[in-house]
Amino acid sequence: MEVAQRIGQTVSFSTCLEEWEALSDDFEKCMEQHREYKKVAESYHSQRNTCKSQTDRQLKKLKLLKAALKTAPTNDDKTDLLNKIEERKKGLEDLSNFLPRKNGFYLSLIVGQINMTFDSTASKFRYKDEYEKFKLYCSITMLAYSLILNFVIPHRFFDAMFSFLLLWYYCTLTVRESILIVNGSRIKGWWVLHHYVSVVLSGTNVLWADDAAYQEFRPVFMAFSVYQSFVQLLQYYYQSGSLYRLRALGERHDMDITVEGFQSWMWRGLTFLLPFLFFGHMWQLFNAYTLYHIAVKYECSEWQVPVIGLLFFVLSCGNLFTTINVVVQKYQKKRVRKKRE
């Protein structure tokens, strides 16, 4: 029996010596296995870099070839070749999703140019699922916390902790989304910028002193926080269900994620969710209007009042414009499809 399994028992020196000799044999095997592992790892990195170099070279040459074809006379052969170039380019871009790529400006500020690309589909899915769970758990936490602040603990210290929680949440989202984008996620546009604006808003709110202007705006903000967290939960469950169905049908990219806004693929069953979204966007506009009147009333004694008001106005306009734009585009596509049928 091994010494490790005989804790509390009297063990002779000879038994300990036998155990040491057995461990020495295992140690040699462990070292040999580690040497093999290092060889495989070095070979893997070498193969990955070679594949990256070849893929980049292919993409560059395809770009030059496509540019050269623009000067050639248009005919069926040229059109066919251009189509083949596009197909080849898409294939190479799919390969690139599993190869190292340069981090964006924001991500490079945080981690530098360390490779953040996952090299397997399972790793990408696992990270995406962790991102979705993070959003879900944080939404539940913020809903519970905001309810407590509304009805149980009306104190500025705990309000500041809530604002700091929002600041940490949105900062973390921006980093996680940057990593998702590097790994092939197609989130872009306003919904990315929305989180950066929210970071600034939450950080500014943390710095707001407990004055008369804050106490006047607090009930509106806390009620809005409860509503926003509730809508985020609705969006998560609706969007995750929609994405699951569309991925199963092959109509959506595997790395598509839920976002805090309306997307074209959410059209099915939208009559339930869209009113909640529009009401939330209008509430943000109401927050901006309220802060404007507070700033006038107190003669902008605190700089946070006009800044937060402006940020709420930007969020409201961005959300409203983007949501309406997506709805209109989807409606137009639907009409065109019906005419063709």
C-alpha atoms as a PDB file:
ATOM      1  CA  MET A   1       0.000   0.000   0.000  1.00  0.00           C
ATOM      2  CA  GLU A   2       1.315   3.479  -0.834  1.00  0.00           C
ATOM      3  CA  VAL A   3       2.454   5.699   2.012  1.00  0.00           C
ATOM      4  CA  ALA A   4      -0.039   8.368   0.897  1.00  0.00           C
ATOM      5  CA  GLN A   5      -2.854   5.896   1.626  1.00  0.00           C
ATOM      6  CA  ARG A   6      -1.560   5.071   5.118  1.00  0.00           C
ATOM      7  CA  ILE A   7      -1.742   8.476   6.765  1.00  0.00           C
ATOM      8  CA  GLY A   8      -2.078   8.097  10.541  1.00  0.00           C
ATOM      9  CA  GLN A   9      -0.474   4.625  10.495  1.00  0.00           C
ATOM     10  CA  THR A  10       3.049   3.692  11.576  1.00  0.00           C
ATOM     11  CA  VAL A  11       5.215   3.205   8.466  1.00  0.00           C
ATOM     12  CA  SER A  12       8.696   1.679   8.552  1.00  0.00           C
ATOM     13  CA  PHE A  13      11.752   3.319   7.002  1.00  0.00           C
ATOM     14  CA  SER A  14      12.163   0.471   4.511  1.00  0.00           C
ATOM     15  CA  THR A  15       8.621   1.026   3.278  1.00  0.00           C
ATOM     16  CA  CYS A  16       9.334   4.728   2.820  1.00  0.00           C
ATOM     17  CA  LEU A  17      12.532   3.868   0.920  1.00  0.00           C
ATOM     18  CA  GLU A  18      10.633   1.529  -1.412  1.00  0.00           C
ATOM     19  CA  GLU A  19       8.052   4.271  -1.980  1.00  0.00           C
ATOM     20  CA  TRP A  20      10.850   6.753  -2.838  1.00  0.00           C
ATOM     21  CA  GLU A  21      12.370   4.357  -5.380  1.00  0.00           C
ATOM     22  CA  ALA A  22       8.970   3.822  -6.994  1.00  0.00           C
ATOM     23  CA  LEU A  23       8.441   7.583  -7.120  1.00  0.00           C
ATOM     24  CA  SER A  24      11.861   7.986  -8.763  1.00  0.00           C
ATOM     25  CA  ASP A  25      10.820   5.659 -11.582  1.00  0.00           C
ATOM     26  CA  ASP A  26       7.575   7.599 -12.028  1.00  0.00           C
ATOM     27  CA  PHE A  27       9.545  10.852 -12.014  1.00  0.00           C
ATOM     28  CA  GLU A  28      11.693   9.709 -14.920  1.00  0.00           C
ATOM     29  CA  LYS A  29       8.592   8.751 -16.881  1.00  0.00           C
ATOM     30  CA  CYS A  30       7.044  12.146 -16.065  1.00  0.00           C
ATOM     31  CA  MET A  31      10.147  13.989 -17.271  1.00  0.00           C
ATOM     32  CA  GLU A  32      10.215  11.968 -20.493  1.00  0.00           C
ATOM     33  CA  GLN A  33       6.536  12.660 -21.088  1.00  0.00           C
ATOM     34  CA  HIS A  34       7.132  16.376 -20.523  1.00  0.00           C
ATOM     35  CA  ARG A  35      10.018  16.394 -23.022  1.00  0.00           C
ATOM     36  CA  GLU A  36       7.722  14.812 -25.593  1.00  0.00           C
ATOM     37  CA  TYR A  37       5.043  17.359 -24.782  1.00  0.00           C
ATOM     38  CA  LYS A  38       7.486  20.248 -25.340  1.00  0.00           C
ATOM     39  CA  LYS A  39       8.515  18.829 -28.703  1.00  0.00           C
ATOM     40  CA  VAL A  40       4.898  18.509 -29.802  1.00  0.00           C
ATOM     41  CA  ALA A  41       4.110  22.037 -28.525  1.00  0.00           C
ATOM     42  CA  GLU A  42       7.067  23.540 -30.384  1.00  0.00           C
ATOM     43  CA  SER A  43       6.100  21.661 -33.532  1.00  0.00           C
ATOM     44  CA  TYR A  44       2.509  22.854 -33.153  1.00  0.00           C
ATOM     45  CA  HIS A  45       3.518  26.514 -32.852  1.00  0.00           C
ATOM     46  CA  SER A  46       5.857  26.174 -35.808  1.00  0.00           C
ATOM     47  CA  GLN A  47       3.121  24.591 -37.949  1.00  0.00           C
ATOM     48  CA  ARG A  48       0.638  27.278 -36.861  1.00  0.00           C
ATOM     49  CA  ASN A  49       2.987  30.114 -37.795  1.00  0.00           C
ATOM     50  CA  THR A  50       3.727  28.496 -41.150  1.00  0.00           C
ATOM     51  CA  CYS A  51       0.017  28.075 -41.855  1.00  0.00           C
ATOM     52  CA  LYS A  52      -0.603  31.697 -40.830  1.00  0.00           C
ATOM     53  CA  SER A  53       2.113  32.922 -43.195  1.00  0.00           C
ATOM     54  CA  GLN A  54       0.782  30.856 -46.119  1.00  0.00           C
ATOM     55  CA  THR A  55      -2.805  31.955 -45.504  1.00  0.00           C
ATOM     56  CA  ASP A  56      -1.831  35.635 -45.367  1.00  0.00           C
ATOM     57  CA  ARG A  57       0.178  35.241 -48.571  1.00  0.00           C
ATOM     58  CA  GLN A  58      -2.781  33.625 -50.335  1.00  0.00           C
ATOM     59  CA  LEU A  59      -5.148  36.401 -49.227  1.00  0.00           C
ATOM     60  CA  LYS A  60      -2.713  39.094 -50.354  1.00  0.00           C
ATOM     61  CA  LYS A  61      -2.251  37.489 -53.784  1.00  0.00           C
ATOM     62  CA  LEU A  62      -6.004  37.049 -54.217  1.00  0.00           C
ATOM     63  CA  LYS A  63      -6.473  40.751 -53.442  1.00  0.00           C
ATOM     64  CA  LEU A  64      -3.885  41.710 -56.072  1.00  0.00           C
ATOM     65  CA  LEU A  65      -5.402  39.304 -58.599  1.00  0.00           C
ATOM     66  CA  LYS A  66      -8.879  40.728 -58.032  1.00  0.00           C
ATOM     67  CA  ALA A  67      -7.549  44.273 -58.501  1.00  0.00           C
ATOM     68  CA  ALA A  68      -5.801  43.248 -61.735  1.00  0.00           C
ATOM     69  CA  LEU A  69      -9.003  41.700 -63.081  1.00  0.00           C
ATOM     70  CA  LYS A  70     -10.796  45.053 -62.846  1.00  0.00           C
ATOM     71  CA  THR A  71      -8.821  46.283 -65.871  1.00  0.00           C
ATOM     72  CA  ALA A  72      -9.688  43.213 -67.959  1.00  0.00           C
ATOM     73  CA  PRO A  73     -12.714  43.256 -70.295  1.00  0.00           C
ATOM     74  CA  THR A  74     -15.913  41.923 -68.775  1.00  0.00           C
ATOM     75  CA  ASN A  75     -17.005  38.487 -70.005  1.00  0.00           C
ATOM     76  CA  ASP A  76     -18.313  35.204 -68.644  1.00  0.00           C
ATOM     77  CA  ASP A  77     -14.821  33.862 -67.889  1.00  0.00           C
ATOM     78  CA  LYS A  78     -13.951  36.968 -65.868  1.00  0.00           C
ATOM     79  CA  THR A  79     -17.186  36.733 -63.871  1.00  0.00           C
ATOM     80  CA  ASP A  80     -16.596  33.049 -63.208  1.00  0.00           C
ATOM     81  CA  LEU A  81     -13.045  33.712 -62.044  1.00  0.00           C
ATOM     82  CA  LEU A  82     -14.180  36.524 -59.739  1.00  0.00           C
ATOM     83  CA  ASN A  83     -16.743  34.201 -58.176  1.00  0.00           C
ATOM     84  CA  LYS A  84     -14.066  31.560 -57.628  1.00  0.00           C
ATOM     85  CA  ILE A  85     -11.796  34.173 -56.036  1.00  0.00           C
ATOM     86  CA  GLU A  86     -14.561  35.158 -53.609  1.00  0.00           C
ATOM     87  CA  GLU A  87     -15.179  31.507 -52.698  1.00  0.00           C
ATOM     88  CA  ARG A  88     -11.461  30.965 -52.135  1.00  0.00           C
ATOM     89  CA  LYS A  89     -11.274  34.122 -50.034  1.00  0.00           C
ATOM     90  CA  LYS A  90     -14.145  32.967 -47.808  1.00  0.00           C
ATOM     91  CA  GLY A  91     -12.452  29.612 -47.347  1.00  0.00           C
ATOM     92  CA  LEU A  92      -9.172  31.269 -46.338  1.00  0.00           C
ATOM     93  CA  GLU A  93     -10.975  33.614 -43.955  1.00  0.00           C
ATOM     94  CA  ASP A  94     -12.570  30.590 -42.268  1.00  0.00           C
ATOM     95  CA  LEU A  95      -9.063  29.159 -41.827  1.00  0.00           C
ATOM     96  CA  SER A  96      -7.869  32.482 -40.408  1.00  0.00           C
ATOM     97  CA  ASN A  97     -10.440  32.261 -37.609  1.00  0.00           C
ATOM     98  CA  PHE A  98      -8.287  29.536 -36.040  1.00  0.00           C
ATOM     99  CA  LEU A  99      -4.922  31.247 -36.642  1.00  0.00           C
ATOM    100  CA  PRO A 100      -3.248  34.060 -34.663  1.00  0.00           C
ATOM    101  CA  ARG A 101      -4.351  37.532 -35.644  1.00  0.00           C
ATOM    102  CA  LYS A 102      -3.481  41.038 -34.537  1.00  0.00           C
ATOM    103  CA  ASN A 103      -5.521  42.283 -31.586  1.00  0.00           C
ATOM    104  CA  GLY A 104      -7.572  45.433 -31.997  1.00  0.00           C
ATOM    105  CA  PHE A 105      -6.508  48.727 -30.447  1.00  0.00           C
ATOM    106  CA  TYR A 106      -8.585  48.320 -27.272  1.00  0.00           C
ATOM    107  CA  LEU A 107      -7.575  44.714 -26.644  1.00  0.00           C
ATOM    108  CA  SER A 108      -3.902  45.454 -27.369  1.00  0.00           C
ATOM    109  CA  LEU A 109      -4.005  48.174 -24.672  1.00  0.00           C
ATOM    110  CA  ILE A 110      -5.034  45.506 -22.139  1.00  0.00           C
ATOM    111  CA  VAL A 111      -3.097  42.374 -23.129  1.00  0.00           C
ATOM    112  CA  GLY A 112      -0.701  43.638 -25.813  1.00  0.00           C
ATOM    113  CA  GLN A 113      -0.265  41.500 -28.909  1.00  0.00           C
ATOM    114  CA  ILE A 114      -0.533  38.162 -27.111  1.00  0.00           C
ATOM    115  CA  ASN A 115      -2.419  35.674 -29.259  1.00  0.00           C
ATOM    116  CA  MET A 116      -6.050  35.568 -28.067  1.00  0.00           C
ATOM    117  CA  THR A 117      -7.357  33.332 -30.873  1.00  0.00           C
ATOM    118  CA  PHE A 118      -8.614  29.948 -29.704  1.00  0.00           C
ATOM    119  CA  ASP A 119      -7.337  27.115 -31.850  1.00  0.00           C
ATOM    120  CA  SER A 120     -10.308  24.759 -31.618  1.00  0.00           C
ATOM    121  CA  THR A 121     -14.040  25.010 -32.199  1.00  0.00           C
ATOM    122  CA  ALA A 122     -14.714  23.545 -28.753  1.00  0.00           C
ATOM    123  CA  SER A 123     -12.636  26.287 -27.074  1.00  0.00           C
ATOM    124  CA  LYS A 124     -14.471  29.001 -29.028  1.00  0.00           C
ATOM    125  CA  PHE A 125     -17.872  27.604 -28.059  1.00  0.00           C
ATOM    126  CA  ARG A 126     -16.824  27.210 -24.437  1.00  0.00           C
ATOM    127  CA  TYR A 127     -15.661  30.826 -24.251  1.00  0.00           C
ATOM    128  CA  LYS A 128     -18.845  32.054 -25.967  1.00  0.00           C
ATOM    129  CA  ASP A 129     -20.985  30.079 -23.511  1.00  0.00           C
ATOM    130  CA  GLU A 130     -19.017  31.543 -20.589  1.00  0.00           C
ATOM    131  CA  TYR A 131     -19.695  35.014 -22.004  1.00  0.00           C
ATOM    132  CA  GLU A 132     -23.437  34.318 -22.169  1.00  0.00           C
ATOM    133  CA  LYS A 133     -23.483  32.902 -18.631  1.00  0.00           C
ATOM    134  CA  PHE A 134     -21.581  35.945 -17.399  1.00  0.00           C
ATOM    135  CA  LYS A 135     -24.218  38.281 -18.855  1.00  0.00           C
ATOM    136  CA  LEU A 136     -27.056  36.200 -17.410  1.00  0.00           C
ATOM    137  CA  TYR A 137     -25.629  35.969 -13.877  1.00  0.00           C
ATOM    138  CA  CYS A 138     -24.722  39.674 -13.830  1.00  0.00           C
ATOM    139  CA  SER A 139     -28.221  40.656 -15.020  1.00  0.00           C
ATOM    140  CA  ILE A 140     -29.794  38.593 -12.231  1.00  0.00           C
ATOM    141  CA  THR A 141     -27.399  40.107  -9.667  1.00  0.00           C
ATOM    142  CA  MET A 142     -28.062  43.667 -10.835  1.00  0.00           C
ATOM    143  CA  LEU A 143     -31.832  43.101 -10.823  1.00  0.00           C
ATOM    144  CA  ALA A 144     -31.727  41.824  -7.237  1.00  0.00           C
ATOM    145  CA  TYR A 145     -29.331  44.582  -6.115  1.00  0.00           C
ATOM    146  CA  SER A 146     -31.368  47.383  -7.708  1.00  0.00           C
ATOM    147  CA  LEU A 147     -34.567  46.067  -6.100  1.00  0.00           C
ATOM    148  CA  ILE A 148     -32.861  46.132  -2.698  1.00  0.00           C
ATOM    149  CA  LEU A 149     -31.652  49.686  -3.276  1.00  0.00           C
ATOM    150  CA  ASN A 150     -35.140  50.748  -4.311  1.00  0.00           C
ATOM    151  CA  PHE A 151     -37.025  49.313  -1.365  1.00  0.00           C
ATOM    152  CA  VAL A 152     -34.603  48.389   1.443  1.00  0.00           C
ATOM    153  CA  ILE A 153     -31.304  50.339   1.533  1.00  0.00           C
ATOM    154  CA  PRO A 154     -31.592  53.922   0.245  1.00  0.00           C
ATOM    155  CA  HIS A 155     -27.975  54.846   1.028  1.00  0.00           C
ATOM    156  CA  ARG A 156     -25.422  56.578  -1.212  1.00  0.00           C
ATOM    157  CA  PHE A 157     -22.583  54.194  -0.295  1.00  0.00           C
ATOM    158  CA  PHE A 158     -24.514  51.188  -1.579  1.00  0.00           C
ATOM    159  CA  ASP A 159     -25.632  53.227  -4.603  1.00  0.00           C
ATOM    160  CA  ALA A 160     -21.964  53.863  -5.396  1.00  0.00           C
ATOM    161  CA  MET A 161     -21.257  50.143  -5.054  1.00  0.00           C
ATOM    162  CA  PHE A 162     -24.040  49.450  -7.535  1.00  0.00           C
ATOM    163  CA  SER A 163     -22.584  51.993  -9.978  1.00  0.00           C
ATOM    164  CA  PHE A 164     -19.169  50.385  -9.518  1.00  0.00           C
ATOM    165  CA  LEU A 165     -20.737  46.987 -10.253  1.00  0.00           C
ATOM    166  CA  LEU A 166     -22.142  48.418 -13.494  1.00  0.00           C
ATOM    167  CA  LEU A 167     -18.738  49.908 -14.310  1.00  0.00           C
ATOM    168  CA  TRP A 168     -17.003  46.554 -13.757  1.00  0.00           C
ATOM    169  CA  TYR A 169     -19.699  44.731 -15.740  1.00  0.00           C
ATOM    170  CA  TYR A 170     -19.454  46.941 -18.824  1.00  0.00           C
ATOM    171  CA  CYS A 171     -15.639  47.075 -18.697  1.00  0.00           C
ATOM    172  CA  THR A 172     -15.555  43.274 -18.563  1.00  0.00           C
ATOM    173  CA  LEU A 173     -18.055  43.046 -21.425  1.00  0.00           C
ATOM    174  CA  THR A 174     -15.892  45.231 -23.656  1.00  0.00           C
ATOM    175  CA  VAL A 175     -12.862  43.005 -23.045  1.00  0.00           C
ATOM    176  CA  ARG A 176     -14.784  39.753 -23.520  1.00  0.00           C
ATOM    177  CA  GLU A 177     -16.425  41.041 -26.693  1.00  0.00           C
ATOM    178  CA  SER A 178     -13.051  42.105 -28.096  1.00  0.00           C
ATOM    179  CA  ILE A 179     -11.791  38.549 -27.578  1.00  0.00           C
ATOM    180  CA  LEU A 180     -14.969  37.176 -29.195  1.00  0.00           C
ATOM    181  CA  ILE A 181     -14.454  39.448 -32.223  1.00  0.00           C
ATOM    182  CA  VAL A 182     -10.870  38.183 -32.590  1.00  0.00           C
ATOM    183  CA  ASN A 183     -12.304  34.648 -32.598  1.00  0.00           C
ATOM    184  CA  GLY A 184     -14.822  35.290 -35.373  1.00  0.00           C
ATOM    185  CA  SER A 185     -17.864  36.757 -33.609  1.00  0.00           C
ATOM    186  CA  ARG A 186     -19.641  39.282 -35.826  1.00  0.00           C
ATOM    187  CA  ILE A 187     -20.894  41.701 -33.174  1.00  0.00           C
ATOM    188  CA  LYS A 188     -20.244  45.213 -34.425  1.00  0.00           C
ATOM    189  CA  GLY A 189     -21.592  48.731 -34.826  1.00  0.00           C
ATOM    190  CA  TRP A 190     -23.625  50.509 -32.212  1.00  0.00           C
ATOM    191  CA  TRP A 191     -24.001  47.546 -29.864  1.00  0.00           C
ATOM    192  CA  VAL A 192     -20.226  47.544 -29.287  1.00  0.00           C
ATOM    193  CA  LEU A 193     -20.062  51.337 -28.880  1.00  0.00           C
ATOM    194  CA  HIS A 194     -23.049  51.153 -26.508  1.00  0.00           C
ATOM    195  CA  HIS A 195     -20.948  49.344 -23.903  1.00  0.00           C
ATOM    196  CA  TYR A 196     -18.113  51.886 -24.109  1.00  0.00           C
ATOM    197  CA  VAL A 197     -20.585  54.738 -23.534  1.00  0.00           C
ATOM    198  CA  SER A 198     -22.062  52.774 -20.618  1.00  0.00           C
ATOM    199  CA  VAL A 199     -18.580  52.435 -19.098  1.00  0.00           C
ATOM    200  CA  VAL A 200     -18.163  56.221 -19.090  1.00  0.00           C
ATOM    201  CA  LEU A 201     -21.676  56.751 -17.716  1.00  0.00           C
ATOM    202  CA  SER A 202     -21.201  54.252 -14.862  1.00  0.00           C
ATOM    203  CA  GLY A 203     -17.792  55.671 -13.989  1.00  0.00           C
ATOM    204  CA  THR A 204     -19.179  59.201 -13.889  1.00  0.00           C
ATOM    205  CA  ASN A 205     -22.059  58.065 -11.688  1.00  0.00           C
ATOM    206  CA  VAL A 206     -19.608  56.553  -9.190  1.00  0.00           C
ATOM    207  CA  LEU A 207     -18.005  60.001  -8.772  1.00  0.00           C
ATOM    208  CA  TRP A 208     -21.275  61.867  -8.221  1.00  0.00           C
ATOM    209  CA  ALA A 209     -21.460  63.266  -4.686  1.00  0.00           C
ATOM    210  CA  ASP A 210     -24.433  62.710  -2.398  1.00  0.00           C
ATOM    211  CA  ASP A 211     -25.979  66.139  -2.913  1.00  0.00           C
ATOM    212  CA  ALA A 212     -29.491  67.441  -3.500  1.00  0.00           C
ATOM    213  CA  ALA A 213     -29.214  66.944  -7.266  1.00  0.00           C
ATOM    214  CA  TYR A 214     -28.281  63.279  -6.805  1.00  0.00           C
ATOM    215  CA  GLN A 215     -31.108  62.632  -4.356  1.00  0.00           C
ATOM    216  CA  GLU A 216     -33.588  64.161  -6.801  1.00  0.00           C
ATOM    217  CA  PHE A 217     -32.453  61.926  -9.656  1.00  0.00           C
ATOM    218  CA  ARG A 218     -31.909  58.767  -7.574  1.00  0.00           C
ATOM    219  CA  PRO A 219     -35.517  57.422  -7.619  1.00  0.00           C
ATOM    220  CA  VAL A 220     -35.678  57.743 -11.413  1.00  0.00           C
ATOM    221  CA  PHE A 221     -32.305  56.066 -11.925  1.00  0.00           C
ATOM    222  CA  MET A 222     -32.961  53.191  -9.519  1.00  0.00           C
ATOM    223  CA  ALA A 223     -36.359  52.465 -11.064  1.00  0.00           C
ATOM    224  CA  PHE A 224     -34.718  52.551 -14.499  1.00  0.00           C
ATOM    225  CA  SER A 225     -32.003  50.147 -13.295  1.00  0.00           C
ATOM    226  CA  VAL A 226     -34.642  47.637 -12.178  1.00  0.00           C
ATOM    227  CA  TYR A 227     -36.413  47.879 -15.524  1.00  0.00           C
ATOM    228  CA  GLN A 228     -33.195  47.652 -17.532  1.00  0.00           C
ATOM    229  CA  SER A 229     -32.039  44.515 -15.696  1.00  0.00           C
ATOM    230  CA  PHE A 230     -35.467  42.938 -16.184  1.00  0.00           C
ATOM    231  CA  VAL A 231     -35.426  43.673 -19.934  1.00  0.00           C
ATOM    232  CA  GLN A 232     -31.881  42.299 -20.218  1.00  0.00           C
ATOM    233  CA  LEU A 233     -33.136  39.009 -18.771  1.00  0.00           C
ATOM    234  CA  LEU A 234     -36.033  38.969 -21.239  1.00  0.00           C
ATOM    235  CA  GLN A 235     -33.623  39.644 -24.089  1.00  0.00           C
ATOM    236  CA  TYR A 236     -31.243  36.927 -22.971  1.00  0.00           C
ATOM    237  CA  TYR A 237     -33.882  34.195 -22.883  1.00  0.00           C
ATOM    238  CA  TYR A 238     -35.529  35.345 -26.118  1.00  0.00           C
ATOM    239  CA  GLN A 239     -32.296  35.826 -28.060  1.00  0.00           C
ATOM    240  CA  SER A 240     -30.638  32.632 -26.818  1.00  0.00           C
ATOM    241  CA  GLY A 241     -33.704  30.651 -27.917  1.00  0.00           C
ATOM    242  CA  SER A 242     -33.760  32.359 -31.318  1.00  0.00           C
ATOM    243  CA  LEU A 243     -30.043  31.811 -31.876  1.00  0.00           C
ATOM    244  CA  TYR A 244     -30.309  28.145 -30.907  1.00  0.00           C
ATOM    245  CA  ARG A 245     -33.044  27.538 -33.465  1.00  0.00           C
ATOM    246  CA  LEU A 246     -31.302  29.497 -36.233  1.00  0.00           C
ATOM    247  CA  ARG A 247     -27.953  27.774 -35.640  1.00  0.00           C
ATOM    248  CA  ALA A 248     -29.694  24.396 -35.784  1.00  0.00           C
ATOM    249  CA  LEU A 249     -31.147  25.412 -39.162  1.00  0.00           C
ATOM    250  CA  GLY A 250     -27.761  26.656 -40.357  1.00  0.00           C
ATOM    251  CA  GLU A 251     -29.044  30.226 -40.750  1.00  0.00           C
ATOM    252  CA  ARG A 252     -26.731  31.868 -38.212  1.00  0.00           C
ATOM    253  CA  HIS A 253     -22.977  31.854 -37.581  1.00  0.00           C
ATOM    254  CA  ASP A 254     -21.900  29.604 -34.701  1.00  0.00           C
ATOM    255  CA  MET A 255     -20.113  32.483 -32.937  1.00  0.00           C
ATOM    256  CA  ASP A 256     -23.090  34.865 -33.021  1.00  0.00           C
ATOM    257  CA  ILE A 257     -24.015  36.051 -29.529  1.00  0.00           C
ATOM    258  CA  THR A 258     -26.875  37.721 -27.707  1.00  0.00           C
ATOM    259  CA  VAL A 259     -26.559  41.503 -27.531  1.00  0.00           C
ATOM    260  CA  GLU A 260     -28.258  44.246 -25.521  1.00  0.00           C
ATOM    261  CA  GLY A 261     -30.268  45.439 -28.487  1.00  0.00           C
ATOM    262  CA  PHE A 262     -32.402  44.409 -31.427  1.00  0.00           C
ATOM    263  CA  GLN A 263     -30.955  42.342 -34.271  1.00  0.00           C
ATOM    264  CA  SER A 264     -32.531  41.353 -37.591  1.00  0.00           C
ATOM    265  CA  TRP A 265     -32.585  37.651 -36.671  1.00  0.00           C
ATOM    266  CA  MET A 266     -34.867  38.489 -33.707  1.00  0.00           C
ATOM    267  CA  TRP A 267     -37.787  39.237 -36.028  1.00  0.00           C
ATOM    268  CA  ARG A 268     -39.720  36.072 -35.250  1.00  0.00           C
ATOM    269  CA  GLY A 269     -42.030  36.619 -32.303  1.00  0.00           C
ATOM    270  CA  LEU A 270     -40.874  40.207 -32.020  1.00  0.00           C
ATOM    271  CA  THR A 271     -44.274  41.607 -31.042  1.00  0.00           C
ATOM    272  CA  PHE A 272     -43.562  40.431 -27.491  1.00  0.00           C
ATOM    273  CA  LEU A 273     -40.105  41.983 -26.984  1.00  0.00           C
ATOM    274  CA  LEU A 274     -40.042  45.125 -29.118  1.00  0.00           C
ATOM    275  CA  PRO A 275     -42.388  47.246 -26.911  1.00  0.00           C
ATOM    276  CA  PHE A 276     -40.138  46.570 -23.892  1.00  0.00           C
ATOM    277  CA  LEU A 277     -37.100  47.708 -25.878  1.00  0.00           C
ATOM    278  CA  PHE A 278     -38.705  50.900 -27.145  1.00  0.00           C
ATOM    279  CA  PHE A 279     -39.996  51.767 -23.673  1.00  0.00           C
ATOM    280  CA  GLY A 280     -36.496  51.344 -22.266  1.00  0.00           C
ATOM    281  CA  HIS A 281     -35.012  53.560 -24.988  1.00  0.00           C
ATOM    282  CA  MET A 282     -37.599  56.261 -24.268  1.00  0.00           C
ATOM    283  CA  TRP A 283     -36.878  55.996 -20.545  1.00  0.00           C
ATOM    284  CA  GLN A 284     -33.227  56.759 -21.298  1.00  0.00           C
ATOM    285  CA  LEU A 285     -34.397  59.882 -23.112  1.00  0.00           C
ATOM    286  CA  PHE A 286     -36.557  60.755 -20.092  1.00  0.00           C
ATOM    287  CA  ASN A 287     -33.471  60.365 -17.862  1.00  0.00           C
ATOM    288  CA  ALA A 288     -31.606  62.843 -20.056  1.00  0.00           C
ATOM    289  CA  TYR A 289     -34.553  65.265 -19.892  1.00  0.00           C
ATOM    290  CA  THR A 290     -34.747  64.948 -16.094  1.00  0.00           C
ATOM    291  CA  LEU A 291     -31.012  65.560 -15.700  1.00  0.00           C
ATOM    292  CA  TYR A 292     -31.251  68.622 -17.950  1.00  0.00           C
ATOM    293  CA  HIS A 293     -33.851  70.179 -15.660  1.00  0.00           C
ATOM    294  CA  ILE A 294     -31.819  69.242 -12.574  1.00  0.00           C
ATOM    295  CA  ALA A 295     -28.727  70.872 -14.104  1.00  0.00           C
ATOM    296  CA  VAL A 296     -30.701  74.065 -14.791  1.00  0.00           C
ATOM    297  CA  LYS A 297     -32.268  74.004 -11.331  1.00  0.00           C
ATOM    298  CA  TYR A 298     -28.950  73.675  -9.493  1.00  0.00           C
ATOM    299  CA  GLU A 299     -26.999  75.736 -12.041  1.00  0.00           C
ATOM    300  CA  CYS A 300     -24.704  72.779 -12.919  1.00  0.00           C
ATOM    301  CA  SER A 301     -23.107  72.810  -9.473  1.00  0.00           C
ATOM    302  CA  GLU A 302     -21.933  69.248 -10.163  1.00  0.00           C
ATOM    303  CA  TRP A 303     -20.318  68.475 -13.533  1.00  0.00           C
ATOM    304  CA  GLN A 304     -21.622  64.913 -13.383  1.00  0.00           C
ATOM    305  CA  VAL A 305     -25.216  66.082 -13.961  1.00  0.00           C
ATOM    306  CA  PRO A 306     -24.829  67.433 -17.534  1.00  0.00           C
ATOM    307  CA  VAL A 307     -22.322  64.717 -18.468  1.00  0.00           C
ATOM    308  CA  ILE A 308     -24.599  61.851 -17.393  1.00  0.00           C
ATOM    309  CA  GLY A 309     -27.551  63.594 -19.027  1.00  0.00           C
ATOM    310  CA  LEU A 310     -25.638  63.859 -22.306  1.00  0.00           C
ATOM    311  CA  LEU A 311     -24.589  60.190 -22.120  1.00  0.00           C
ATOM    312  CA  PHE A 312     -28.186  59.069 -21.520  1.00  0.00           C
ATOM    313  CA  PHE A 313     -29.216  61.163 -24.524  1.00  0.00           C
ATOM    314  CA  VAL A 314     -26.525  59.499 -26.687  1.00  0.00           C
ATOM    315  CA  LEU A 315     -27.599  56.026 -25.524  1.00  0.00           C
ATOM    316  CA  SER A 316     -31.262  56.759 -26.195  1.00  0.00           C
ATOM    317  CA  CYS A 317     -30.669  58.195 -29.671  1.00  0.00           C
ATOM    318  CA  GLY A 318     -28.261  55.393 -30.621  1.00  0.00           C
ATOM    319  CA  ASN A 319     -30.604  52.665 -29.397  1.00  0.00           C
ATOM    320  CA  LEU A 320     -33.699  54.187 -31.007  1.00  0.00           C
ATOM    321  CA  PHE A 321     -32.033  54.887 -34.351  1.00  0.00           C
ATOM    322  CA  THR A 322     -30.399  51.458 -34.563  1.00  0.00           C
ATOM    323  CA  THR A 323     -33.537  49.563 -33.536  1.00  0.00           C
ATOM    324  CA  ILE A 324     -35.781  51.486 -35.940  1.00  0.00           C
ATOM    325  CA  ASN A 325     -33.233  51.112 -38.729  1.00  0.00           C
ATOM    326  CA  VAL A 326     -33.035  47.343 -38.282  1.00  0.00           C
ATOM    327  CA  VAL A 327     -36.833  47.022 -38.123  1.00  0.00           C
ATOM    328  CA  VAL A 328     -37.261  49.092 -41.312  1.00  0.00           C
ATOM    329  CA  GLN A 329     -34.590  47.097 -43.166  1.00  0.00           C
ATOM    330  CA  LYS A 330     -36.160  43.815 -42.110  1.00  0.00           C
ATOM    331  CA  TYR A 331     -39.625  45.025 -43.137  1.00  0.00           C
ATOM    332  CA  GLN A 332     -38.331  46.141 -46.560  1.00  0.00           C
ATOM    333  CA  LYS A 333     -36.606  42.804 -47.140  1.00  0.00           C
ATOM    334  CA  LYS A 334     -39.818  41.038 -46.188  1.00  0.00           C
ATOM    335  CA  ARG A 335     -41.801  43.106 -48.729  1.00  0.00           C
ATOM    336  CA  VAL A 336     -39.248  42.428 -51.487  1.00  0.00           C
ATOM    337  CA  ARG A 337     -39.373  38.704 -50.741  1.00  0.00           C
ATOM    338  CA  LYS A 338     -43.197  38.699 -50.913  1.00  0.00           C
ATOM    339  CA  LYS A 339     -43.140  40.518 -54.276  1.00  0.00           C
ATOM    340  CA  ARG A 340     -40.758  37.934 -55.704  1.00  0.00           C
ATOM    341  CA  GLU A 341     -42.998  35.133 -54.514  1.00  0.00           C
END
